[in-house]
Amino acid sequence: MPDLANFIQASTVSAIFGTAIGALAPAIAMGWSISRAMDALSRQPEAEHSIMRTLFIGLAMIESLAIYVLVIVLIVLFRNPLLEYLIQ
């Protein structure tokens, strides 16, 4: 039974680190892309529609990565597939 407790604790800690990295990396990428878009808008204001459209598509792709991380972390926390092998 101590192996089971250690495994659950390790999977919880790894889920916490996964959430932290999974939230931090997209946040940095979003900030960087918005900064670059603002720089591009200040250089070429006439290309605003093209820049903003591309920015929003890019931000949606970055946000989808954060959502995928959240889904994987929730699977690890609530329905860990490796837990079945440890119990047997």
Protein backbone atom coordinates (compact mmCIF):
# COMPACT_ATOMS: atom_id res chain seq x y z
CA MET A 1 0.00 0.00 0.00
CA PRO A 2 2.81 2.51 0.53
CA ASP A 3 3.68 2.08 -3.17
CA LEU A 4 0.16 3.12 -4.09
CA ALA A 5 0.34 6.21 -1.86
CA ASN A 6 3.73 7.15 -3.29
CA PHE A 7 2.44 6.70 -6.83
CA ILE A 8 -0.61 8.86 -6.21
CA GLN A 9 1.52 11.53 -4.59
CA ALA A 10 4.02 11.48 -7.45
CA SER A 11 1.27 11.71 -10.07
CA THR A 12 -0.32 14.63 -8.21
CA VAL A 13 3.00 16.48 -8.02
CA SER A 14 3.65 15.84 -11.71
CA ALA A 15 0.15 17.12 -12.53
CA ILE A 16 0.88 20.29 -10.56
CA PHE A 17 4.14 20.85 -12.43
CA GLY A 18 2.40 20.07 -15.72
CA THR A 19 -0.26 22.64 -14.99
CA ALA A 20 2.34 25.24 -14.04
CA ILE A 21 4.38 24.71 -17.19
CA GLY A 22 1.25 24.32 -19.30
CA ALA A 23 -0.03 27.69 -18.13
CA LEU A 24 3.29 29.51 -18.10
CA ALA A 25 4.49 28.63 -21.60
CA PRO A 26 1.32 29.75 -23.45
CA ALA A 27 1.18 32.91 -21.34
CA ILE A 28 4.72 33.81 -22.36
CA ALA A 29 3.98 32.95 -26.00
CA MET A 30 0.82 35.08 -25.98
CA GLY A 31 2.62 38.04 -24.47
CA TRP A 32 5.42 37.73 -26.98
CA SER A 33 3.06 37.46 -29.95
CA ILE A 34 0.95 40.42 -28.81
CA SER A 35 4.10 42.46 -28.33
CA ARG A 36 5.26 41.59 -31.84
CA ALA A 37 1.83 42.40 -33.28
CA MET A 38 1.83 45.81 -31.59
CA ASP A 39 5.31 46.43 -32.99
CA ALA A 40 4.10 45.47 -36.47
CA LEU A 41 1.06 47.73 -36.12
CA SER A 42 3.22 50.67 -35.14
CA ARG A 43 5.41 50.13 -38.21
CA GLN A 44 2.60 49.50 -40.72
CA PRO A 45 -0.78 50.79 -39.51
CA GLU A 46 -2.32 50.21 -42.94
CA ALA A 47 -1.90 46.43 -42.53
CA GLU A 48 -4.01 46.37 -39.37
CA HIS A 49 -6.65 43.92 -40.59
CA SER A 50 -4.15 41.38 -41.83
CA ILE A 51 -2.01 41.61 -38.69
CA MET A 52 -4.98 41.36 -36.32
CA ARG A 53 -6.50 38.41 -38.17
CA THR A 54 -3.22 36.53 -38.06
CA LEU A 55 -2.74 37.47 -34.40
CA PHE A 56 -6.14 36.14 -33.37
CA ILE A 57 -5.60 32.86 -35.23
CA GLY A 58 -2.21 32.48 -33.57
CA LEU A 59 -3.62 33.28 -30.13
CA ALA A 60 -6.34 30.67 -30.63
CA MET A 61 -3.71 28.06 -31.50
CA ILE A 62 -1.64 28.96 -28.44
CA GLU A 63 -4.70 28.81 -26.20
CA SER A 64 -5.62 25.39 -27.57
CA LEU A 65 -2.26 24.10 -26.34
CA ALA A 66 -3.10 25.28 -22.83
CA ILE A 67 -6.48 23.54 -23.03
CA TYR A 68 -4.82 20.29 -24.15
CA VAL A 69 -2.48 20.46 -21.15
CA LEU A 70 -5.45 21.00 -18.86
CA VAL A 71 -7.23 17.95 -20.29
CA ILE A 72 -4.17 15.72 -19.88
CA VAL A 73 -3.61 16.91 -16.31
CA LEU A 74 -7.23 16.23 -15.42
CA ILE A 75 -6.92 12.72 -16.87
CA VAL A 76 -3.79 12.10 -14.80
CA LEU A 77 -5.45 13.40 -11.63
CA PHE A 78 -8.85 11.75 -11.84
CA ARG A 79 -8.42 8.71 -14.09
CA ASN A 80 -4.79 7.72 -14.06
CA PRO A 81 -4.34 4.90 -16.59
CA LEU A 82 -1.20 3.59 -14.85
CA LEU A 83 -2.99 3.16 -11.55
CA GLU A 84 -4.74 -0.01 -12.75
CA TYR A 85 -1.40 -1.75 -13.32
CA LEU A 86 -0.12 -0.79 -9.89
CA ILE A 87 -3.21 -2.09 -8.08
CA GLN A 88 -2.95 -5.53 -9.71
